Amino acid sequence: IGSIVKGTNPETGRSVKGRINDRGPFVHGRSLDLSKSAAEKLGITHKGVARVKVTPINSHSAPAN
């Protein structure tokens, strides 16, 4: 837990960075729950449930040679 990810709304291209805080959600068919702030930035608060592309961000990677 504590991994940093980028979530992107595929319909609008909007994205937001965030941290994974827990192991939820515990609802079948869902991969993660967003904070209200992240959902607002992605423009999906009106939907309740939406598809979001999740990309891991490795903030500790060494520079490529």
PDB file of N, CA and C in Angstrom:
ATOM      1  N   ILE A   1       0.864  -1.175   0.000  1.00  0.00           N
ATOM      2  CA  ILE A   1       0.000   0.000   0.000  1.00  0.00           C
ATOM      3  C   ILE A   1       0.909   1.237   0.000  1.00  0.00           C
ATOM      4  N   GLY A   2       0.409   2.319  -0.546  1.00  0.00           N
ATOM      5  CA  GLY A   2       1.215   3.531  -0.655  1.00  0.00           C
ATOM      6  C   GLY A   2       1.739   3.764  -2.057  1.00  0.00           C
ATOM      7  N   SER A   3       1.401   2.865  -2.989  1.00  0.00           N
ATOM      8  CA  SER A   3       1.840   3.033  -4.373  1.00  0.00           C
ATOM      9  C   SER A   3       1.189   4.275  -4.967  1.00  0.00           C
ATOM     10  N   ILE A   4       1.954   4.967  -5.790  1.00  0.00           N
ATOM     11  CA  ILE A   4       1.442   6.146  -6.488  1.00  0.00           C
ATOM     12  C   ILE A   4       0.998   5.719  -7.884  1.00  0.00           C
ATOM     13  N   VAL A   5      -0.199   6.140  -8.269  1.00  0.00           N
ATOM     14  CA  VAL A   5      -0.739   5.804  -9.585  1.00  0.00           C
ATOM     15  C   VAL A   5      -1.292   7.056 -10.256  1.00  0.00           C
ATOM     16  N   LYS A   6      -1.416   6.963 -11.577  1.00  0.00           N
ATOM     17  CA  LYS A   6      -2.097   8.007 -12.336  1.00  0.00           C
ATOM     18  C   LYS A   6      -3.391   7.404 -12.849  1.00  0.00           C
ATOM     19  N   GLY A   7      -4.498   8.063 -12.568  1.00  0.00           N
ATOM     20  CA  GLY A   7      -5.791   7.636 -13.078  1.00  0.00           C
ATOM     21  C   GLY A   7      -6.208   8.566 -14.192  1.00  0.00           C
ATOM     22  N   THR A   8      -6.617   7.989 -15.324  1.00  0.00           N
ATOM     23  CA  THR A   8      -7.015   8.786 -16.480  1.00  0.00           C
ATOM     24  C   THR A   8      -8.426   8.413 -16.902  1.00  0.00           C
ATOM     25  N   ASN A   9      -9.257   9.418 -17.110  1.00  0.00           N
ATOM     26  CA  ASN A   9     -10.603   9.212 -17.632  1.00  0.00           C
ATOM     27  C   ASN A   9     -10.452   9.052 -19.145  1.00  0.00           C
ATOM     28  N   PRO A  10     -10.701   7.855 -19.694  1.00  0.00           N
ATOM     29  CA  PRO A  10     -10.503   7.650 -21.130  1.00  0.00           C
ATOM     30  C   PRO A  10     -11.454   8.445 -22.016  1.00  0.00           C
ATOM     31  N   GLU A  11     -12.574   8.893 -21.461  1.00  0.00           N
ATOM     32  CA  GLU A  11     -13.538   9.663 -22.252  1.00  0.00           C
ATOM     33  C   GLU A  11     -13.094  11.107 -22.463  1.00  0.00           C
ATOM     34  N   THR A  12     -12.351  11.668 -21.483  1.00  0.00           N
ATOM     35  CA  THR A  12     -11.977  13.080 -21.562  1.00  0.00           C
ATOM     36  C   THR A  12     -10.470  13.323 -21.626  1.00  0.00           C
ATOM     37  N   GLY A  13      -9.684  12.314 -21.253  1.00  0.00           N
ATOM     38  CA  GLY A  13      -8.238  12.485 -21.212  1.00  0.00           C
ATOM     39  C   GLY A  13      -7.749  13.147 -19.931  1.00  0.00           C
ATOM     40  N   ARG A  14      -8.657  13.557 -19.053  1.00  0.00           N
ATOM     41  CA  ARG A  14      -8.253  14.157 -17.778  1.00  0.00           C
ATOM     42  C   ARG A  14      -7.557  13.108 -16.927  1.00  0.00           C
ATOM     43  N   SER A  15      -6.524  13.537 -16.176  1.00  0.00           N
ATOM     44  CA  SER A  15      -5.829  12.586 -15.311  1.00  0.00           C
ATOM     45  C   SER A  15      -5.511  13.219 -13.965  1.00  0.00           C
ATOM     46  N   VAL A  16      -5.250  12.343 -12.986  1.00  0.00           N
ATOM     47  CA  VAL A  16      -4.932  12.769 -11.631  1.00  0.00           C
ATOM     48  C   VAL A  16      -3.985  11.739 -11.025  1.00  0.00           C
ATOM     49  N   LYS A  17      -3.031  12.197 -10.234  1.00  0.00           N
ATOM     50  CA  LYS A  17      -2.136  11.300  -9.508  1.00  0.00           C
ATOM     51  C   LYS A  17      -2.689  11.098  -8.104  1.00  0.00           C
ATOM     52  N   GLY A  18      -2.505   9.880  -7.583  1.00  0.00           N
ATOM     53  CA  GLY A  18      -2.985   9.595  -6.240  1.00  0.00           C
ATOM     54  C   GLY A  18      -2.252   8.420  -5.629  1.00  0.00           C
ATOM     55  N   ARG A  19      -2.495   8.195  -4.337  1.00  0.00           N
ATOM     56  CA  ARG A  19      -1.845   7.125  -3.596  1.00  0.00           C
ATOM     57  C   ARG A  19      -2.873   6.058  -3.230  1.00  0.00           C
ATOM     58  N   ILE A  20      -2.476   4.788  -3.352  1.00  0.00           N
ATOM     59  CA  ILE A  20      -3.327   3.672  -2.935  1.00  0.00           C
ATOM     60  C   ILE A  20      -3.257   3.601  -1.411  1.00  0.00           C
ATOM     61  N   ASN A  21      -4.410   3.745  -0.742  1.00  0.00           N
ATOM     62  CA  ASN A  21      -4.446   3.791   0.715  1.00  0.00           C
ATOM     63  C   ASN A  21      -4.840   2.482   1.376  1.00  0.00           C
ATOM     64  N   ASP A  22      -5.614   1.650   0.687  1.00  0.00           N
ATOM     65  CA  ASP A  22      -6.080   0.417   1.320  1.00  0.00           C
ATOM     66  C   ASP A  22      -6.318  -0.649   0.267  1.00  0.00           C
ATOM     67  N   ARG A  23      -6.819  -1.795   0.696  1.00  0.00           N
ATOM     68  CA  ARG A  23      -6.999  -2.932  -0.198  1.00  0.00           C
ATOM     69  C   ARG A  23      -8.385  -3.018  -0.818  1.00  0.00           C
ATOM     70  N   GLY A  24      -9.264  -2.087  -0.532  1.00  0.00           N
ATOM     71  CA  GLY A  24     -10.615  -2.117  -1.079  1.00  0.00           C
ATOM     72  C   GLY A  24     -10.593  -1.868  -2.572  1.00  0.00           C
ATOM     73  N   PRO A  25     -11.702  -1.779  -3.234  1.00  0.00           N
ATOM     74  CA  PRO A  25     -13.042  -1.887  -2.689  1.00  0.00           C
ATOM     75  C   PRO A  25     -13.440  -3.347  -2.524  1.00  0.00           C
ATOM     76  N   PHE A  26     -14.462  -3.551  -1.789  1.00  0.00           N
ATOM     77  CA  PHE A  26     -14.939  -4.896  -1.534  1.00  0.00           C
ATOM     78  C   PHE A  26     -16.287  -5.118  -2.212  1.00  0.00           C
ATOM     79  N   VAL A  27     -16.400  -4.574  -3.422  1.00  0.00           N
ATOM     80  CA  VAL A  27     -17.597  -4.726  -4.254  1.00  0.00           C
ATOM     81  C   VAL A  27     -17.168  -5.461  -5.515  1.00  0.00           C
ATOM     82  N   HIS A  28     -17.834  -6.565  -5.825  1.00  0.00           N
ATOM     83  CA  HIS A  28     -17.490  -7.370  -6.995  1.00  0.00           C
ATOM     84  C   HIS A  28     -17.515  -6.531  -8.275  1.00  0.00           C
ATOM     85  N   GLY A  29     -16.488  -6.674  -9.095  1.00  0.00           N
ATOM     86  CA  GLY A  29     -16.439  -5.987 -10.374  1.00  0.00           C
ATOM     87  C   GLY A  29     -15.787  -4.622 -10.338  1.00  0.00           C
ATOM     88  N   ARG A  30     -15.348  -4.182  -9.176  1.00  0.00           N
ATOM     89  CA  ARG A  30     -14.671  -2.880  -9.067  1.00  0.00           C
ATOM     90  C   ARG A  30     -13.225  -3.083  -8.662  1.00  0.00           C
ATOM     91  N   SER A  31     -12.345  -2.278  -9.240  1.00  0.00           N
ATOM     92  CA  SER A  31     -10.920  -2.394  -8.942  1.00  0.00           C
ATOM     93  C   SER A  31     -10.456  -1.437  -7.866  1.00  0.00           C
ATOM     94  N   LEU A  32     -11.040  -0.243  -7.835  1.00  0.00           N
ATOM     95  CA  LEU A  32     -10.629   0.729  -6.829  1.00  0.00           C
ATOM     96  C   LEU A  32     -11.706   1.773  -6.616  1.00  0.00           C
ATOM     97  N   ASP A  33     -11.617   2.418  -5.467  1.00  0.00           N
ATOM     98  CA  ASP A  33     -12.484   3.553  -5.152  1.00  0.00           C
ATOM     99  C   ASP A  33     -11.632   4.808  -5.204  1.00  0.00           C
ATOM    100  N   LEU A  34     -12.169   5.873  -5.755  1.00  0.00           N
ATOM    101  CA  LEU A  34     -11.469   7.150  -5.802  1.00  0.00           C
ATOM    102  C   LEU A  34     -11.966   8.064  -4.690  1.00  0.00           C
ATOM    103  N   SER A  35     -11.097   8.965  -4.276  1.00  0.00           N
ATOM    104  CA  SER A  35     -11.547  10.005  -3.358  1.00  0.00           C
ATOM    105  C   SER A  35     -12.491  10.938  -4.121  1.00  0.00           C
ATOM    106  N   LYS A  36     -13.283  11.674  -3.386  1.00  0.00           N
ATOM    107  CA  LYS A  36     -14.196  12.626  -4.021  1.00  0.00           C
ATOM    108  C   LYS A  36     -13.401  13.651  -4.821  1.00  0.00           C
ATOM    109  N   SER A  37     -12.274  14.103  -4.272  1.00  0.00           N
ATOM    110  CA  SER A  37     -11.433  15.092  -4.953  1.00  0.00           C
ATOM    111  C   SER A  37     -10.902  14.548  -6.278  1.00  0.00           C
ATOM    112  N   ALA A  38     -10.431  13.298  -6.287  1.00  0.00           N
ATOM    113  CA  ALA A  38      -9.919  12.701  -7.524  1.00  0.00           C
ATOM    114  C   ALA A  38     -11.035  12.547  -8.547  1.00  0.00           C
ATOM    115  N   ALA A  39     -12.213  12.105  -8.098  1.00  0.00           N
ATOM    116  CA  ALA A  39     -13.351  11.949  -9.013  1.00  0.00           C
ATOM    117  C   ALA A  39     -13.754  13.293  -9.616  1.00  0.00           C
ATOM    118  N   GLU A  40     -13.723  14.346  -8.805  1.00  0.00           N
ATOM    119  CA  GLU A  40     -14.048  15.683  -9.319  1.00  0.00           C
ATOM    120  C   GLU A  40     -13.042  16.115 -10.378  1.00  0.00           C
ATOM    121  N   LYS A  41     -11.750  15.871 -10.140  1.00  0.00           N
ATOM    122  CA  LYS A  41     -10.718  16.258 -11.111  1.00  0.00           C
ATOM    123  C   LYS A  41     -10.860  15.485 -12.421  1.00  0.00           C
ATOM    124  N   LEU A  42     -11.339  14.243 -12.330  1.00  0.00           N
ATOM    125  CA  LEU A  42     -11.541  13.437 -13.536  1.00  0.00           C
ATOM    126  C   LEU A  42     -12.877  13.713 -14.209  1.00  0.00           C
ATOM    127  N   GLY A  43     -13.747  14.455 -13.529  1.00  0.00           N
ATOM    128  CA  GLY A  43     -15.042  14.797 -14.098  1.00  0.00           C
ATOM    129  C   GLY A  43     -16.028  13.646 -14.094  1.00  0.00           C
ATOM    130  N   ILE A  44     -15.956  12.770 -13.070  1.00  0.00           N
ATOM    131  CA  ILE A  44     -16.834  11.605 -13.052  1.00  0.00           C
ATOM    132  C   ILE A  44     -17.717  11.538 -11.807  1.00  0.00           C
ATOM    133  N   THR A  45     -17.841  12.609 -11.052  1.00  0.00           N
ATOM    134  CA  THR A  45     -18.653  12.560  -9.835  1.00  0.00           C
ATOM    135  C   THR A  45     -20.128  12.323 -10.143  1.00  0.00           C
ATOM    136  N   HIS A  46     -20.595  12.764 -11.282  1.00  0.00           N
ATOM    137  CA  HIS A  46     -22.008  12.603 -11.634  1.00  0.00           C
ATOM    138  C   HIS A  46     -22.357  11.176 -12.042  1.00  0.00           C
ATOM    139  N   LYS A  47     -21.348  10.361 -12.384  1.00  0.00           N
ATOM    140  CA  LYS A  47     -21.600   9.003 -12.854  1.00  0.00           C
ATOM    141  C   LYS A  47     -21.756   7.993 -11.726  1.00  0.00           C
ATOM    142  N   GLY A  48     -21.050   8.177 -10.628  1.00  0.00           N
ATOM    143  CA  GLY A  48     -21.079   7.203  -9.539  1.00  0.00           C
ATOM    144  C   GLY A  48     -20.077   6.083  -9.763  1.00  0.00           C
ATOM    145  N   VAL A  49     -20.110   5.456 -10.938  1.00  0.00           N
ATOM    146  CA  VAL A  49     -19.154   4.408 -11.314  1.00  0.00           C
ATOM    147  C   VAL A  49     -18.691   4.718 -12.733  1.00  0.00           C
ATOM    148  N   ALA A  50     -17.374   4.634 -12.957  1.00  0.00           N
ATOM    149  CA  ALA A  50     -16.838   4.937 -14.289  1.00  0.00           C
ATOM    150  C   ALA A  50     -15.559   4.159 -14.529  1.00  0.00           C
ATOM    151  N   ARG A  51     -15.219   4.022 -15.789  1.00  0.00           N
ATOM    152  CA  ARG A  51     -13.936   3.393 -16.146  1.00  0.00           C
ATOM    153  C   ARG A  51     -12.833   4.440 -16.031  1.00  0.00           C
ATOM    154  N   VAL A  52     -11.713   4.004 -15.439  1.00  0.00           N
ATOM    155  CA  VAL A  52     -10.540   4.854 -15.299  1.00  0.00           C
ATOM    156  C   VAL A  52      -9.322   4.003 -15.618  1.00  0.00           C
ATOM    157  N   LYS A  53      -8.453   4.494 -16.490  1.00  0.00           N
ATOM    158  CA  LYS A  53      -7.209   3.791 -16.785  1.00  0.00           C
ATOM    159  C   LYS A  53      -6.238   4.092 -15.648  1.00  0.00           C
ATOM    160  N   VAL A  54      -5.689   3.044 -15.024  1.00  0.00           N
ATOM    161  CA  VAL A  54      -4.768   3.213 -13.898  1.00  0.00           C
ATOM    162  C   VAL A  54      -3.371   2.821 -14.345  1.00  0.00           C
ATOM    163  N   THR A  55      -2.420   3.753 -14.177  1.00  0.00           N
ATOM    164  CA  THR A  55      -1.031   3.531 -14.560  1.00  0.00           C
ATOM    165  C   THR A  55      -0.151   3.709 -13.340  1.00  0.00           C
ATOM    166  N   PRO A  56       0.670   2.697 -12.997  1.00  0.00           N
ATOM    167  CA  PRO A  56       1.576   2.865 -11.860  1.00  0.00           C
ATOM    168  C   PRO A  56       2.643   3.910 -12.161  1.00  0.00           C
ATOM    169  N   ILE A  57       3.014   4.666 -11.140  1.00  0.00           N
ATOM    170  CA  ILE A  57       4.081   5.658 -11.261  1.00  0.00           C
ATOM    171  C   ILE A  57       5.185   5.229 -10.315  1.00  0.00           C
ATOM    172  N   ASN A  58       6.351   4.964 -10.858  1.00  0.00           N
ATOM    173  CA  ASN A  58       7.488   4.541 -10.055  1.00  0.00           C
ATOM    174  C   ASN A  58       8.333   5.765  -9.746  1.00  0.00           C
ATOM    175  N   SER A  59       8.155   6.333  -8.572  1.00  0.00           N
ATOM    176  CA  SER A  59       8.864   7.561  -8.220  1.00  0.00           C
ATOM    177  C   SER A  59      10.283   7.288  -7.738  1.00  0.00           C
ATOM    178  N   HIS A  60      10.662   6.008  -7.583  1.00  0.00           N
ATOM    179  CA  HIS A  60      11.996   5.681  -7.075  1.00  0.00           C
ATOM    180  C   HIS A  60      12.886   5.081  -8.148  1.00  0.00           C
ATOM    181  N   SER A  61      12.541   5.232  -9.396  1.00  0.00           N
ATOM    182  CA  SER A  61      13.329   4.604 -10.460  1.00  0.00           C
ATOM    183  C   SER A  61      14.609   5.383 -10.711  1.00  0.00           C
ATOM    184  N   ALA A  62      15.639   4.656 -11.058  1.00  0.00           N
ATOM    185  CA  ALA A  62      16.935   5.260 -11.384  1.00  0.00           C
ATOM    186  C   ALA A  62      16.892   5.779 -12.810  1.00  0.00           C
ATOM    187  N   PRO A  63      17.665   6.801 -13.129  1.00  0.00           N
ATOM    188  CA  PRO A  63      17.704   7.309 -14.504  1.00  0.00           C
ATOM    189  C   PRO A  63      18.189   6.254 -15.473  1.00  0.00           C
ATOM    190  N   ALA A  64      17.598   6.206 -16.673  1.00  0.00           N
ATOM    191  CA  ALA A  64      18.017   5.245 -17.689  1.00  0.00           C
ATOM    192  C   ALA A  64      19.366   5.636 -18.261  1.00  0.00           C
ATOM    193  N   ASN A  65      20.190   4.642 -18.556  1.00  0.00           N
ATOM    194  CA  ASN A  65      21.528   4.900 -19.146  1.00  0.00           C
ATOM    195  C   ASN A  65      21.483   4.726 -20.630  1.00  0.00           C
TER     196      ASN A  65
END
